[in-house]
């Protein structure tokens, strides 16, 4: 795995985890009972993006390490993936 591929895998994993973590413990202004004039009631009451970004980074480092290990370990090769694809040539599936 090249450095570029590793960075791309990290970035994609980071954003996927971030979008999962983002709505956790979300409190809207209407739920908090304090709606700031000019904002929608569904706007966040407390803006915890820095904390959620740090949590996301910690989770992503662990997941990224597992993904890189899986890719570089050789447990699954390209030939294995080709055998699992639908419409593979007749001799590909043993």
C-alpha atoms as a PDB file:
ATOM      1  CA  UNK A   1       0.000   0.000   0.000  1.00  0.00           C
ATOM      2  CA  UNK A   2       1.417   3.357  -0.996  1.00  0.00           C
ATOM      3  CA  UNK A   3       1.460   6.390   1.279  1.00  0.00           C
ATOM      4  CA  UNK A   4      -1.087   8.110  -0.947  1.00  0.00           C
ATOM      5  CA  UNK A   5      -3.459   5.146  -0.757  1.00  0.00           C
ATOM      6  CA  UNK A   6      -3.056   4.992   3.024  1.00  0.00           C
ATOM      7  CA  UNK A   7      -3.872   8.705   3.347  1.00  0.00           C
ATOM      8  CA  UNK A   8      -6.914   8.363   1.099  1.00  0.00           C
ATOM      9  CA  UNK A   9      -8.175   5.384   3.120  1.00  0.00           C
ATOM     10  CA  UNK A  10      -7.656   7.414   6.314  1.00  0.00           C
ATOM     11  CA  UNK A  11      -9.531  10.446   4.936  1.00  0.00           C
ATOM     12  CA  UNK A  12     -12.473   8.404   3.664  1.00  0.00           C
ATOM     13  CA  UNK A  13     -12.681   6.473   6.933  1.00  0.00           C
ATOM     14  CA  UNK A  14     -12.431   9.705   8.951  1.00  0.00           C
ATOM     15  CA  UNK A  15     -15.354  11.326   7.150  1.00  0.00           C
ATOM     16  CA  UNK A  16     -17.488   8.177   7.360  1.00  0.00           C
ATOM     17  CA  UNK A  17     -16.889   7.934  11.114  1.00  0.00           C
ATOM     18  CA  UNK A  18     -17.440  11.699  11.510  1.00  0.00           C
ATOM     19  CA  UNK A  19     -20.877  11.496   9.898  1.00  0.00           C
ATOM     20  CA  UNK A  20     -21.762   8.642  12.273  1.00  0.00           C
ATOM     21  CA  UNK A  21     -20.469  10.483  15.377  1.00  0.00           C
ATOM     22  CA  UNK A  22     -21.936  13.889  14.473  1.00  0.00           C
ATOM     23  CA  UNK A  23     -25.574  13.237  15.493  1.00  0.00           C
ATOM     24  CA  UNK A  24     -24.650  11.470  18.752  1.00  0.00           C
ATOM     25  CA  UNK A  25     -25.697  13.530  21.817  1.00  0.00           C
ATOM     26  CA  UNK A  26     -27.174  16.204  19.540  1.00  0.00           C
ATOM     27  CA  UNK A  27     -29.436  18.714  21.282  1.00  0.00           C
ATOM     28  CA  UNK A  28     -31.426  21.137  19.158  1.00  0.00           C
ATOM     29  CA  UNK A  29     -32.301  24.644  20.295  1.00  0.00           C
ATOM     30  CA  UNK A  30     -35.968  23.704  20.565  1.00  0.00           C
ATOM     31  CA  UNK A  31     -35.089  20.759  22.848  1.00  0.00           C
ATOM     32  CA  UNK A  32     -32.924  23.037  25.001  1.00  0.00           C
ATOM     33  CA  UNK A  33     -35.702  25.636  25.150  1.00  0.00           C
ATOM     34  CA  UNK A  34     -33.514  28.517  23.970  1.00  0.00           C
ATOM     35  CA  UNK A  35     -34.048  29.433  20.323  1.00  0.00           C
ATOM     36  CA  UNK A  36     -31.739  32.233  19.173  1.00  0.00           C
ATOM     37  CA  UNK A  37     -33.606  34.735  16.979  1.00  0.00           C
ATOM     38  CA  UNK A  38     -32.794  34.281  13.297  1.00  0.00           C
ATOM     39  CA  UNK A  39     -31.871  30.599  13.601  1.00  0.00           C
ATOM     40  CA  UNK A  40     -34.029  27.545  12.954  1.00  0.00           C
ATOM     41  CA  UNK A  41     -35.305  25.581  15.933  1.00  0.00           C
ATOM     42  CA  UNK A  42     -33.394  22.534  14.696  1.00  0.00           C
ATOM     43  CA  UNK A  43     -30.016  24.314  14.967  1.00  0.00           C
ATOM     44  CA  UNK A  44     -27.633  22.819  17.534  1.00  0.00           C
ATOM     45  CA  UNK A  45     -27.807  24.280  21.029  1.00  0.00           C
ATOM     46  CA  UNK A  46     -24.211  23.358  21.840  1.00  0.00           C
ATOM     47  CA  UNK A  47     -21.572  23.222  19.161  1.00  0.00           C
ATOM     48  CA  UNK A  48     -19.311  20.268  20.029  1.00  0.00           C
ATOM     49  CA  UNK A  49     -17.515  19.837  16.711  1.00  0.00           C
ATOM     50  CA  UNK A  50     -13.996  19.955  18.186  1.00  0.00           C
ATOM     51  CA  UNK A  51     -14.809  17.212  20.704  1.00  0.00           C
ATOM     52  CA  UNK A  52     -16.522  15.120  18.038  1.00  0.00           C
ATOM     53  CA  UNK A  53     -13.568  15.600  15.669  1.00  0.00           C
ATOM     54  CA  UNK A  54     -11.183  14.315  18.355  1.00  0.00           C
ATOM     55  CA  UNK A  55     -13.421  11.312  19.066  1.00  0.00           C
ATOM     56  CA  UNK A  56     -13.657  10.676  15.325  1.00  0.00           C
ATOM     57  CA  UNK A  57      -9.877  10.810  14.958  1.00  0.00           C
ATOM     58  CA  UNK A  58      -9.353   8.323  17.793  1.00  0.00           C
ATOM     59  CA  UNK A  59     -11.866   5.867  16.335  1.00  0.00           C
ATOM     60  CA  UNK A  60     -10.479   6.341  12.829  1.00  0.00           C
ATOM     61  CA  UNK A  61      -6.894   5.614  13.870  1.00  0.00           C
ATOM     62  CA  UNK A  62      -7.985   2.236  15.251  1.00  0.00           C
ATOM     63  CA  UNK A  63     -10.154   1.387  12.229  1.00  0.00           C
ATOM     64  CA  UNK A  64      -7.495   2.611   9.801  1.00  0.00           C
ATOM     65  CA  UNK A  65      -4.880   0.416  11.472  1.00  0.00           C
ATOM     66  CA  UNK A  66      -7.137  -2.622  11.094  1.00  0.00           C
ATOM     67  CA  UNK A  67      -7.901  -1.789   7.454  1.00  0.00           C
ATOM     68  CA  UNK A  68      -4.227  -1.278   6.575  1.00  0.00           C
ATOM     69  CA  UNK A  69      -3.303  -4.521   8.342  1.00  0.00           C
ATOM     70  CA  UNK A  70      -6.039  -6.399   6.449  1.00  0.00           C
ATOM     71  CA  UNK A  71      -4.945  -4.998   3.085  1.00  0.00           C
ATOM     72  CA  UNK A  72      -1.218  -5.562   3.628  1.00  0.00           C
ATOM     73  CA  UNK A  73      -1.539  -8.964   5.338  1.00  0.00           C
ATOM     74  CA  UNK A  74      -2.481 -10.773   2.145  1.00  0.00           C
ATOM     75  CA  UNK A  75      -5.441 -12.583   3.695  1.00  0.00           C
ATOM     76  CA  UNK A  76      -7.499 -11.668   0.638  1.00  0.00           C
ATOM     77  CA  UNK A  77      -5.881 -11.297  -2.763  1.00  0.00           C
ATOM     78  CA  UNK A  78      -7.147  -9.737  -5.984  1.00  0.00           C
ATOM     79  CA  UNK A  79      -7.718 -13.252  -7.332  1.00  0.00           C
ATOM     80  CA  UNK A  80     -10.005 -13.985  -4.369  1.00  0.00           C
ATOM     81  CA  UNK A  81     -12.006 -10.846  -5.076  1.00  0.00           C
ATOM     82  CA  UNK A  82     -12.360 -11.791  -8.740  1.00  0.00           C
ATOM     83  CA  UNK A  83     -13.786 -15.183  -7.770  1.00  0.00           C
ATOM     84  CA  UNK A  84     -16.450 -13.541  -5.612  1.00  0.00           C
ATOM     85  CA  UNK A  85     -17.704 -11.160  -8.306  1.00  0.00           C
ATOM     86  CA  UNK A  86     -20.946 -12.017 -10.088  1.00  0.00           C
ATOM     87  CA  UNK A  87     -20.472 -12.778 -13.755  1.00  0.00           C
ATOM     88  CA  UNK A  88     -16.940 -14.069 -13.295  1.00  0.00           C
ATOM     89  CA  UNK A  89     -15.595 -16.416 -15.972  1.00  0.00           C
ATOM     90  CA  UNK A  90     -16.692 -20.060 -15.531  1.00  0.00           C
ATOM     91  CA  UNK A  91     -13.266 -21.304 -14.427  1.00  0.00           C
ATOM     92  CA  UNK A  92     -12.806 -18.597 -11.809  1.00  0.00           C
ATOM     93  CA  UNK A  93     -14.979 -20.208  -9.101  1.00  0.00           C
ATOM     94  CA  UNK A  94     -13.515 -23.479  -7.811  1.00  0.00           C
END
